[in-house]
Amino acid sequence: MLPTQGTTVLRPVKKIHTSTKGTVNQEVIIMAKTINLVHHSKVILTQIKSTLLRDLVLGQFKIYKNLTRKFLNSDKFLENINIKVNNLASSVKN
């Protein structure tokens, strides 16, 4: 016996009354389903675009953070060289 916990039960679908123009009603149903699919496709595409944009922004932030860290390290290195050159120049003067 299969467990049924957490499963959903299908709801009964309302039947559309057909008239003598049954094909017209079927075409309306097909159009409604198509519009629904188009809407869902747009929602999915929007979610994909927002996910890709978020990933792009996060990637750019990581690059910016790494570059900033490297520039700060380079700045400290150049500052240390400048201090050593100034000390050397002052000792040469004396």
PDB file of N, CA and C in Angstrom:
ATOM      1  N   MET A   1       0.850  -1.178   0.000  1.00  0.00           N
ATOM      2  CA  MET A   1       0.000   0.000   0.000  1.00  0.00           C
ATOM      3  C   MET A   1       0.895   1.241   0.000  1.00  0.00           C
ATOM      4  N   LEU A   2       0.584   2.187  -0.845  1.00  0.00           N
ATOM      5  CA  LEU A   2       1.388   3.396  -0.978  1.00  0.00           C
ATOM      6  C   LEU A   2       0.972   4.422   0.072  1.00  0.00           C
ATOM      7  N   PRO A   3       1.929   5.179   0.633  1.00  0.00           N
ATOM      8  CA  PRO A   3       1.557   6.225   1.597  1.00  0.00           C
ATOM      9  C   PRO A   3       0.857   7.373   0.870  1.00  0.00           C
ATOM     10  N   THR A   4      -0.169   7.910   1.501  1.00  0.00           N
ATOM     11  CA  THR A   4      -0.932   8.994   0.880  1.00  0.00           C
ATOM     12  C   THR A   4      -0.724  10.323   1.582  1.00  0.00           C
ATOM     13  N   GLN A   5       0.124  10.342   2.581  1.00  0.00           N
ATOM     14  CA  GLN A   5       0.357  11.580   3.323  1.00  0.00           C
ATOM     15  C   GLN A   5       1.099  12.576   2.435  1.00  0.00           C
ATOM     16  N   GLY A   6       0.608  13.816   2.386  1.00  0.00           N
ATOM     17  CA  GLY A   6       1.251  14.866   1.622  1.00  0.00           C
ATOM     18  C   GLY A   6       0.849  14.884   0.159  1.00  0.00           C
ATOM     19  N   THR A   7      -0.025  13.986  -0.258  1.00  0.00           N
ATOM     20  CA  THR A   7      -0.444  13.994  -1.653  1.00  0.00           C
ATOM     21  C   THR A   7      -1.672  14.874  -1.796  1.00  0.00           C
ATOM     22  N   THR A   8      -1.875  15.351  -2.990  1.00  0.00           N
ATOM     23  CA  THR A   8      -3.036  16.201  -3.244  1.00  0.00           C
ATOM     24  C   THR A   8      -4.053  15.427  -4.056  1.00  0.00           C
ATOM     25  N   VAL A   9      -5.276  15.804  -3.866  1.00  0.00           N
ATOM     26  CA  VAL A   9      -6.370  15.160  -4.574  1.00  0.00           C
ATOM     27  C   VAL A   9      -6.797  16.085  -5.701  1.00  0.00           C
ATOM     28  N   LEU A  10      -7.018  15.544  -6.863  1.00  0.00           N
ATOM     29  CA  LEU A  10      -7.465  16.353  -7.991  1.00  0.00           C
ATOM     30  C   LEU A  10      -8.883  16.846  -7.732  1.00  0.00           C
ATOM     31  N   ARG A  11      -9.068  18.140  -8.020  1.00  0.00           N
ATOM     32  CA  ARG A  11     -10.396  18.704  -7.852  1.00  0.00           C
ATOM     33  C   ARG A  11     -11.208  18.466  -9.119  1.00  0.00           C
ATOM     34  N   PRO A  12     -12.508  18.288  -8.955  1.00  0.00           N
ATOM     35  CA  PRO A  12     -13.333  18.095 -10.154  1.00  0.00           C
ATOM     36  C   PRO A  12     -13.347  19.372 -10.982  1.00  0.00           C
ATOM     37  N   VAL A  13     -13.296  19.221 -12.279  1.00  0.00           N
ATOM     38  CA  VAL A  13     -13.283  20.354 -13.198  1.00  0.00           C
ATOM     39  C   VAL A  13     -14.712  20.635 -13.632  1.00  0.00           C
ATOM     40  N   LYS A  14     -15.057  21.944 -13.653  1.00  0.00           N
ATOM     41  CA  LYS A  14     -16.386  22.309 -14.098  1.00  0.00           C
ATOM     42  C   LYS A  14     -16.519  22.027 -15.582  1.00  0.00           C
ATOM     43  N   LYS A  15     -17.625  21.439 -15.938  1.00  0.00           N
ATOM     44  CA  LYS A  15     -17.863  21.165 -17.346  1.00  0.00           C
ATOM     45  C   LYS A  15     -18.477  22.389 -17.994  1.00  0.00           C
ATOM     46  N   ILE A  16     -17.974  22.708 -19.173  1.00  0.00           N
ATOM     47  CA  ILE A  16     -18.513  23.845 -19.913  1.00  0.00           C
ATOM     48  C   ILE A  16     -19.688  23.350 -20.733  1.00  0.00           C
ATOM     49  N   HIS A  17     -20.767  24.086 -20.630  1.00  0.00           N
ATOM     50  CA  HIS A  17     -21.954  23.707 -21.380  1.00  0.00           C
ATOM     51  C   HIS A  17     -21.710  23.940 -22.858  1.00  0.00           C
ATOM     52  N   THR A  18     -21.964  22.952 -23.629  1.00  0.00           N
ATOM     53  CA  THR A  18     -21.775  23.094 -25.065  1.00  0.00           C
ATOM     54  C   THR A  18     -23.105  23.417 -25.703  1.00  0.00           C
ATOM     55  N   SER A  19     -23.020  24.259 -26.686  1.00  0.00           N
ATOM     56  CA  SER A  19     -24.236  24.597 -27.433  1.00  0.00           C
ATOM     57  C   SER A  19     -24.148  23.911 -28.790  1.00  0.00           C
ATOM     58  N   THR A  20     -24.963  24.370 -29.694  1.00  0.00           N
ATOM     59  CA  THR A  20     -24.883  23.800 -31.036  1.00  0.00           C
ATOM     60  C   THR A  20     -23.564  24.195 -31.701  1.00  0.00           C
ATOM     61  N   LYS A  21     -22.928  25.229 -31.145  1.00  0.00           N
ATOM     62  CA  LYS A  21     -21.632  25.660 -31.674  1.00  0.00           C
ATOM     63  C   LYS A  21     -20.531  25.143 -30.747  1.00  0.00           C
ATOM     64  N   GLY A  22     -20.436  23.855 -30.616  1.00  0.00           N
ATOM     65  CA  GLY A  22     -19.461  23.241 -29.723  1.00  0.00           C
ATOM     66  C   GLY A  22     -18.027  23.543 -30.110  1.00  0.00           C
ATOM     67  N   THR A  23     -17.745  23.669 -31.388  1.00  0.00           N
ATOM     68  CA  THR A  23     -16.376  23.954 -31.816  1.00  0.00           C
ATOM     69  C   THR A  23     -15.946  25.345 -31.374  1.00  0.00           C
ATOM     70  N   VAL A  24     -16.884  26.287 -31.311  1.00  0.00           N
ATOM     71  CA  VAL A  24     -16.551  27.642 -30.855  1.00  0.00           C
ATOM     72  C   VAL A  24     -16.127  27.591 -29.394  1.00  0.00           C
ATOM     73  N   ASN A  25     -16.873  26.853 -28.570  1.00  0.00           N
ATOM     74  CA  ASN A  25     -16.520  26.724 -27.165  1.00  0.00           C
ATOM     75  C   ASN A  25     -15.155  26.053 -27.002  1.00  0.00           C
ATOM     76  N   GLN A  26     -14.875  25.060 -27.811  1.00  0.00           N
ATOM     77  CA  GLN A  26     -13.572  24.393 -27.736  1.00  0.00           C
ATOM     78  C   GLN A  26     -12.451  25.355 -28.123  1.00  0.00           C
ATOM     79  N   GLU A  27     -12.698  26.193 -29.120  1.00  0.00           N
ATOM     80  CA  GLU A  27     -11.693  27.173 -29.523  1.00  0.00           C
ATOM     81  C   GLU A  27     -11.451  28.188 -28.411  1.00  0.00           C
ATOM     82  N   VAL A  28     -12.499  28.578 -27.717  1.00  0.00           N
ATOM     83  CA  VAL A  28     -12.357  29.511 -26.595  1.00  0.00           C
ATOM     84  C   VAL A  28     -11.527  28.862 -25.492  1.00  0.00           C
ATOM     85  N   ILE A  29     -11.786  27.596 -25.222  1.00  0.00           N
ATOM     86  CA  ILE A  29     -11.028  26.880 -24.197  1.00  0.00           C
ATOM     87  C   ILE A  29      -9.554  26.797 -24.603  1.00  0.00           C
ATOM     88  N   ILE A  30      -9.298  26.489 -25.854  1.00  0.00           N
ATOM     89  CA  ILE A  30      -7.918  26.403 -26.339  1.00  0.00           C
ATOM     90  C   ILE A  30      -7.235  27.759 -26.234  1.00  0.00           C
ATOM     91  N   MET A  31      -7.946  28.836 -26.580  1.00  0.00           N
ATOM     92  CA  MET A  31      -7.372  30.186 -26.471  1.00  0.00           C
ATOM     93  C   MET A  31      -7.064  30.523 -25.019  1.00  0.00           C
ATOM     94  N   ALA A  32      -7.960  30.169 -24.107  1.00  0.00           N
ATOM     95  CA  ALA A  32      -7.747  30.443 -22.686  1.00  0.00           C
ATOM     96  C   ALA A  32      -6.531  29.678 -22.168  1.00  0.00           C
ATOM     97  N   LYS A  33      -6.391  28.427 -22.571  1.00  0.00           N
ATOM     98  CA  LYS A  33      -5.228  27.632 -22.157  1.00  0.00           C
ATOM     99  C   LYS A  33      -3.944  28.226 -22.726  1.00  0.00           C
ATOM    100  N   THR A  34      -3.997  28.694 -23.975  1.00  0.00           N
ATOM    101  CA  THR A  34      -2.822  29.295 -24.603  1.00  0.00           C
ATOM    102  C   THR A  34      -2.420  30.566 -23.874  1.00  0.00           C
ATOM    103  N   ILE A  35      -3.401  31.402 -23.544  1.00  0.00           N
ATOM    104  CA  ILE A  35      -3.120  32.645 -22.804  1.00  0.00           C
ATOM    105  C   ILE A  35      -2.517  32.306 -21.451  1.00  0.00           C
ATOM    106  N   ASN A  36      -3.038  31.294 -20.792  1.00  0.00           N
ATOM    107  CA  ASN A  36      -2.515  30.869 -19.500  1.00  0.00           C
ATOM    108  C   ASN A  36      -1.074  30.394 -19.638  1.00  0.00           C
ATOM    109  N   LEU A  37      -0.779  29.615 -20.676  1.00  0.00           N
ATOM    110  CA  LEU A  37       0.591  29.140 -20.898  1.00  0.00           C
ATOM    111  C   LEU A  37       1.538  30.300 -21.185  1.00  0.00           C
ATOM    112  N   VAL A  38       1.077  31.268 -21.975  1.00  0.00           N
ATOM    113  CA  VAL A  38       1.905  32.430 -22.285  1.00  0.00           C
ATOM    114  C   VAL A  38       2.207  33.205 -21.011  1.00  0.00           C
ATOM    115  N   HIS A  39       1.198  33.374 -20.160  1.00  0.00           N
ATOM    116  CA  HIS A  39       1.403  34.083 -18.898  1.00  0.00           C
ATOM    117  C   HIS A  39       2.436  33.353 -18.034  1.00  0.00           C
ATOM    118  N   HIS A  40       2.284  32.035 -17.903  1.00  0.00           N
ATOM    119  CA  HIS A  40       3.232  31.257 -17.096  1.00  0.00           C
ATOM    120  C   HIS A  40       4.641  31.326 -17.697  1.00  0.00           C
ATOM    121  N   SER A  41       4.737  31.319 -19.025  1.00  0.00           N
ATOM    122  CA  SER A  41       6.042  31.421 -19.673  1.00  0.00           C
ATOM    123  C   SER A  41       6.691  32.756 -19.350  1.00  0.00           C
ATOM    124  N   LYS A  42       5.895  33.842 -19.366  1.00  0.00           N
ATOM    125  CA  LYS A  42       6.433  35.160 -19.041  1.00  0.00           C
ATOM    126  C   LYS A  42       6.910  35.207 -17.596  1.00  0.00           C
ATOM    127  N   VAL A  43       6.157  34.599 -16.700  1.00  0.00           N
ATOM    128  CA  VAL A  43       6.545  34.569 -15.286  1.00  0.00           C
ATOM    129  C   VAL A  43       7.856  33.808 -15.122  1.00  0.00           C
ATOM    130  N   ILE A  44       7.974  32.670 -15.778  1.00  0.00           N
ATOM    131  CA  ILE A  44       9.193  31.871 -15.685  1.00  0.00           C
ATOM    132  C   ILE A  44      10.379  32.632 -16.263  1.00  0.00           C
ATOM    133  N   LEU A  45      10.190  33.282 -17.423  1.00  0.00           N
ATOM    134  CA  LEU A  45      11.270  34.066 -18.023  1.00  0.00           C
ATOM    135  C   LEU A  45      11.692  35.213 -17.118  1.00  0.00           C
ATOM    136  N   THR A  46      10.732  35.861 -16.469  1.00  0.00           N
ATOM    137  CA  THR A  46      11.055  36.946 -15.543  1.00  0.00           C
ATOM    138  C   THR A  46      11.875  36.418 -14.376  1.00  0.00           C
ATOM    139  N   GLN A  47      11.511  35.262 -13.852  1.00  0.00           N
ATOM    140  CA  GLN A  47      12.274  34.664 -12.749  1.00  0.00           C
ATOM    141  C   GLN A  47      13.681  34.307 -13.193  1.00  0.00           C
ATOM    142  N   ILE A  48      13.830  33.782 -14.408  1.00  0.00           N
ATOM    143  CA  ILE A  48      15.149  33.428 -14.919  1.00  0.00           C
ATOM    144  C   ILE A  48      15.990  34.690 -15.095  1.00  0.00           C
ATOM    145  N   LYS A  49      15.383  35.741 -15.671  1.00  0.00           N
ATOM    146  CA  LYS A  49      16.110  36.992 -15.878  1.00  0.00           C
ATOM    147  C   LYS A  49      16.550  37.590 -14.555  1.00  0.00           C
ATOM    148  N   SER A  50      15.660  37.578 -13.557  1.00  0.00           N
ATOM    149  CA  SER A  50      16.026  38.161 -12.270  1.00  0.00           C
ATOM    150  C   SER A  50      17.116  37.326 -11.598  1.00  0.00           C
ATOM    151  N   THR A  51      17.077  36.010 -11.762  1.00  0.00           N
ATOM    152  CA  THR A  51      18.117  35.150 -11.199  1.00  0.00           C
ATOM    153  C   THR A  51      19.450  35.423 -11.888  1.00  0.00           C
ATOM    154  N   LEU A  52      19.435  35.533 -13.213  1.00  0.00           N
ATOM    155  CA  LEU A  52      20.664  35.809 -13.945  1.00  0.00           C
ATOM    156  C   LEU A  52      21.214  37.182 -13.589  1.00  0.00           C
ATOM    157  N   LEU A  53      20.335  38.164 -13.446  1.00  0.00           N
ATOM    158  CA  LEU A  53      20.774  39.510 -13.081  1.00  0.00           C
ATOM    159  C   LEU A  53      21.376  39.517 -11.684  1.00  0.00           C
ATOM    160  N   ARG A  54      20.738  38.808 -10.758  1.00  0.00           N
ATOM    161  CA  ARG A  54      21.260  38.729  -9.397  1.00  0.00           C
ATOM    162  C   ARG A  54      22.639  38.069  -9.389  1.00  0.00           C
ATOM    163  N   ASP A  55      22.785  36.976 -10.154  1.00  0.00           N
ATOM    164  CA  ASP A  55      24.081  36.299 -10.236  1.00  0.00           C
ATOM    165  C   ASP A  55      25.138  37.210 -10.844  1.00  0.00           C
ATOM    166  N   LEU A  56      24.746  37.979 -11.853  1.00  0.00           N
ATOM    167  CA  LEU A  56      25.682  38.900 -12.489  1.00  0.00           C
ATOM    168  C   LEU A  56      26.137  39.976 -11.511  1.00  0.00           C
ATOM    169  N   VAL A  57      25.193  40.561 -10.771  1.00  0.00           N
ATOM    170  CA  VAL A  57      25.530  41.605  -9.810  1.00  0.00           C
ATOM    171  C   VAL A  57      26.406  41.048  -8.691  1.00  0.00           C
ATOM    172  N   LEU A  58      26.081  39.870  -8.195  1.00  0.00           N
ATOM    173  CA  LEU A  58      26.904  39.259  -7.148  1.00  0.00           C
ATOM    174  C   LEU A  58      28.314  38.959  -7.654  1.00  0.00           C
ATOM    175  N   GLY A  59      28.421  38.503  -8.891  1.00  0.00           N
ATOM    176  CA  GLY A  59      29.727  38.245  -9.480  1.00  0.00           C
ATOM    177  C   GLY A  59      30.541  39.520  -9.609  1.00  0.00           C
ATOM    178  N   GLN A  60      29.885  40.605 -10.048  1.00  0.00           N
ATOM    179  CA  GLN A  60      30.577  41.884 -10.170  1.00  0.00           C
ATOM    180  C   GLN A  60      31.010  42.388  -8.798  1.00  0.00           C
ATOM    181  N   PHE A  61      30.187  42.184  -7.786  1.00  0.00           N
ATOM    182  CA  PHE A  61      30.547  42.620  -6.437  1.00  0.00           C
ATOM    183  C   PHE A  61      31.773  41.866  -5.930  1.00  0.00           C
ATOM    184  N   LYS A  62      31.823  40.561  -6.195  1.00  0.00           N
ATOM    185  CA  LYS A  62      32.988  39.770  -5.769  1.00  0.00           C
ATOM    186  C   LYS A  62      34.258  40.265  -6.465  1.00  0.00           C
ATOM    187  N   ILE A  63      34.155  40.562  -7.761  1.00  0.00           N
ATOM    188  CA  ILE A  63      35.308  41.085  -8.504  1.00  0.00           C
ATOM    189  C   ILE A  63      35.732  42.423  -7.920  1.00  0.00           C
ATOM    190  N   TYR A  64      34.762  43.307  -7.671  1.00  0.00           N
ATOM    191  CA  TYR A  64      35.054  44.622  -7.090  1.00  0.00           C
ATOM    192  C   TYR A  64      35.744  44.471  -5.737  1.00  0.00           C
ATOM    193  N   LYS A  65      35.243  43.569  -4.914  1.00  0.00           N
ATOM    194  CA  LYS A  65      35.810  43.345  -3.583  1.00  0.00           C
ATOM    195  C   LYS A  65      37.255  42.852  -3.676  1.00  0.00           C
ATOM    196  N   ASN A  66      37.516  41.912  -4.578  1.00  0.00           N
ATOM    197  CA  ASN A  66      38.874  41.393  -4.759  1.00  0.00           C
ATOM    198  C   ASN A  66      39.814  42.470  -5.281  1.00  0.00           C
ATOM    199  N   LEU A  67      39.346  43.268  -6.246  1.00  0.00           N
ATOM    200  CA  LEU A  67      40.186  44.342  -6.780  1.00  0.00           C
ATOM    201  C   LEU A  67      40.491  45.386  -5.707  1.00  0.00           C
ATOM    202  N   THR A  68      39.495  45.727  -4.909  1.00  0.00           N
ATOM    203  CA  THR A  68      39.705  46.701  -3.839  1.00  0.00           C
ATOM    204  C   THR A  68      40.746  46.190  -2.849  1.00  0.00           C
ATOM    205  N   ARG A  69      40.646  44.917  -2.491  1.00  0.00           N
ATOM    206  CA  ARG A  69      41.613  44.320  -1.566  1.00  0.00           C
ATOM    207  C   ARG A  69      43.018  44.356  -2.164  1.00  0.00           C
ATOM    208  N   LYS A  70      43.139  44.028  -3.441  1.00  0.00           N
ATOM    209  CA  LYS A  70      44.447  44.036  -4.096  1.00  0.00           C
ATOM    210  C   LYS A  70      45.018  45.450  -4.193  1.00  0.00           C
ATOM    211  N   PHE A  71      44.165  46.441  -4.494  1.00  0.00           N
ATOM    212  CA  PHE A  71      44.632  47.822  -4.562  1.00  0.00           C
ATOM    213  C   PHE A  71      45.086  48.322  -3.191  1.00  0.00           C
ATOM    214  N   LEU A  72      44.358  47.943  -2.148  1.00  0.00           N
ATOM    215  CA  LEU A  72      44.771  48.345  -0.805  1.00  0.00           C
ATOM    216  C   LEU A  72      46.115  47.721  -0.429  1.00  0.00           C
ATOM    217  N   ASN A  73      46.306  46.457  -0.785  1.00  0.00           N
ATOM    218  CA  ASN A  73      47.596  45.795  -0.519  1.00  0.00           C
ATOM    219  C   ASN A  73      48.720  46.479  -1.292  1.00  0.00           C
ATOM    220  N   SER A  74      48.460  46.827  -2.547  1.00  0.00           N
ATOM    221  CA  SER A  74      49.468  47.515  -3.353  1.00  0.00           C
ATOM    222  C   SER A  74      49.777  48.884  -2.772  1.00  0.00           C
ATOM    223  N   ASP A  75      48.741  49.577  -2.305  1.00  0.00           N
ATOM    224  CA  ASP A  75      48.937  50.901  -1.713  1.00  0.00           C
ATOM    225  C   ASP A  75      49.800  50.812  -0.460  1.00  0.00           C
ATOM    226  N   LYS A  76      49.560  49.819   0.387  1.00  0.00           N
ATOM    227  CA  LYS A  76      50.373  49.630   1.598  1.00  0.00           C
ATOM    228  C   LYS A  76      51.824  49.305   1.224  1.00  0.00           C
ATOM    229  N   PHE A  77      51.991  48.476   0.209  1.00  0.00           N
ATOM    230  CA  PHE A  77      53.326  48.100  -0.243  1.00  0.00           C
ATOM    231  C   PHE A  77      54.083  49.335  -0.736  1.00  0.00           C
ATOM    232  N   LEU A  78      53.412  50.163  -1.568  1.00  0.00           N
ATOM    233  CA  LEU A  78      54.060  51.383  -2.071  1.00  0.00           C
ATOM    234  C   LEU A  78      54.340  52.369  -0.952  1.00  0.00           C
ATOM    235  N   GLU A  79      53.453  52.436   0.016  1.00  0.00           N
ATOM    236  CA  GLU A  79      53.669  53.334   1.163  1.00  0.00           C
ATOM    237  C   GLU A  79      54.903  52.887   1.958  1.00  0.00           C
ATOM    238  N   ASN A  80      55.078  51.585   2.153  1.00  0.00           N
ATOM    239  CA  ASN A  80      56.261  51.069   2.854  1.00  0.00           C
ATOM    240  C   ASN A  80      57.541  51.375   2.083  1.00  0.00           C
ATOM    241  N   ILE A  81      57.502  51.239   0.766  1.00  0.00           N
ATOM    242  CA  ILE A  81      58.674  51.571  -0.053  1.00  0.00           C
ATOM    243  C   ILE A  81      58.992  53.055   0.071  1.00  0.00           C
ATOM    244  N   ASN A  82      57.957  53.900   0.053  1.00  0.00           N
ATOM    245  CA  ASN A  82      58.152  55.349   0.169  1.00  0.00           C
ATOM    246  C   ASN A  82      58.800  55.707   1.510  1.00  0.00           C
ATOM    247  N   ILE A  83      58.348  55.076   2.577  1.00  0.00           N
ATOM    248  CA  ILE A  83      58.926  55.331   3.907  1.00  0.00           C
ATOM    249  C   ILE A  83      60.395  54.924   3.932  1.00  0.00           C
ATOM    250  N   LYS A  84      60.730  53.763   3.355  1.00  0.00           N
ATOM    251  CA  LYS A  84      62.109  53.295   3.332  1.00  0.00           C
ATOM    252  C   LYS A  84      62.997  54.215   2.493  1.00  0.00           C
ATOM    253  N   VAL A  85      62.503  54.708   1.378  1.00  0.00           N
ATOM    254  CA  VAL A  85      63.272  55.632   0.542  1.00  0.00           C
ATOM    255  C   VAL A  85      63.493  56.948   1.285  1.00  0.00           C
ATOM    256  N   ASN A  86      62.472  57.434   1.957  1.00  0.00           N
ATOM    257  CA  ASN A  86      62.620  58.677   2.746  1.00  0.00           C
ATOM    258  C   ASN A  86      63.629  58.483   3.857  1.00  0.00           C
ATOM    259  N   ASN A  87      63.594  57.352   4.563  1.00  0.00           N
ATOM    260  CA  ASN A  87      64.583  57.067   5.624  1.00  0.00           C
ATOM    261  C   ASN A  87      65.993  57.004   5.043  1.00  0.00           C
ATOM    262  N   LEU A  88      66.127  56.358   3.885  1.00  0.00           N
ATOM    263  CA  LEU A  88      67.432  56.271   3.248  1.00  0.00           C
ATOM    264  C   LEU A  88      67.950  57.657   2.831  1.00  0.00           C
ATOM    265  N   ALA A  89      67.037  58.451   2.304  1.00  0.00           N
ATOM    266  CA  ALA A  89      67.440  59.812   1.871  1.00  0.00           C
ATOM    267  C   ALA A  89      67.839  60.671   3.063  1.00  0.00           C
ATOM    268  N   SER A  90      67.114  60.546   4.161  1.00  0.00           N
ATOM    269  CA  SER A  90      67.474  61.342   5.355  1.00  0.00           C
ATOM    270  C   SER A  90      68.789  60.872   5.967  1.00  0.00           C
ATOM    271  N   SER A  91      69.080  59.568   5.906  1.00  0.00           N
ATOM    272  CA  SER A  91      70.356  59.073   6.460  1.00  0.00           C
ATOM    273  C   SER A  91      71.511  59.463   5.555  1.00  0.00           C
ATOM    274  N   VAL A  92      71.292  59.591   4.254  1.00  0.00           N
ATOM    275  CA  VAL A  92      72.346  60.003   3.344  1.00  0.00           C
ATOM    276  C   VAL A  92      72.693  61.481   3.577  1.00  0.00           C
ATOM    277  N   LYS A  93      71.670  62.287   3.874  1.00  0.00           N
ATOM    278  CA  LYS A  93      71.894  63.719   4.147  1.00  0.00           C
ATOM    279  C   LYS A  93      72.732  63.909   5.399  1.00  0.00           C
ATOM    280  N   ASN A  94      72.553  63.070   6.392  1.00  0.00           N
ATOM    281  CA  ASN A  94      73.262  63.213   7.678  1.00  0.00           C
ATOM    282  C   ASN A  94      74.625  62.635   7.510  1.00  0.00           C
TER     283      ASN A  94
END
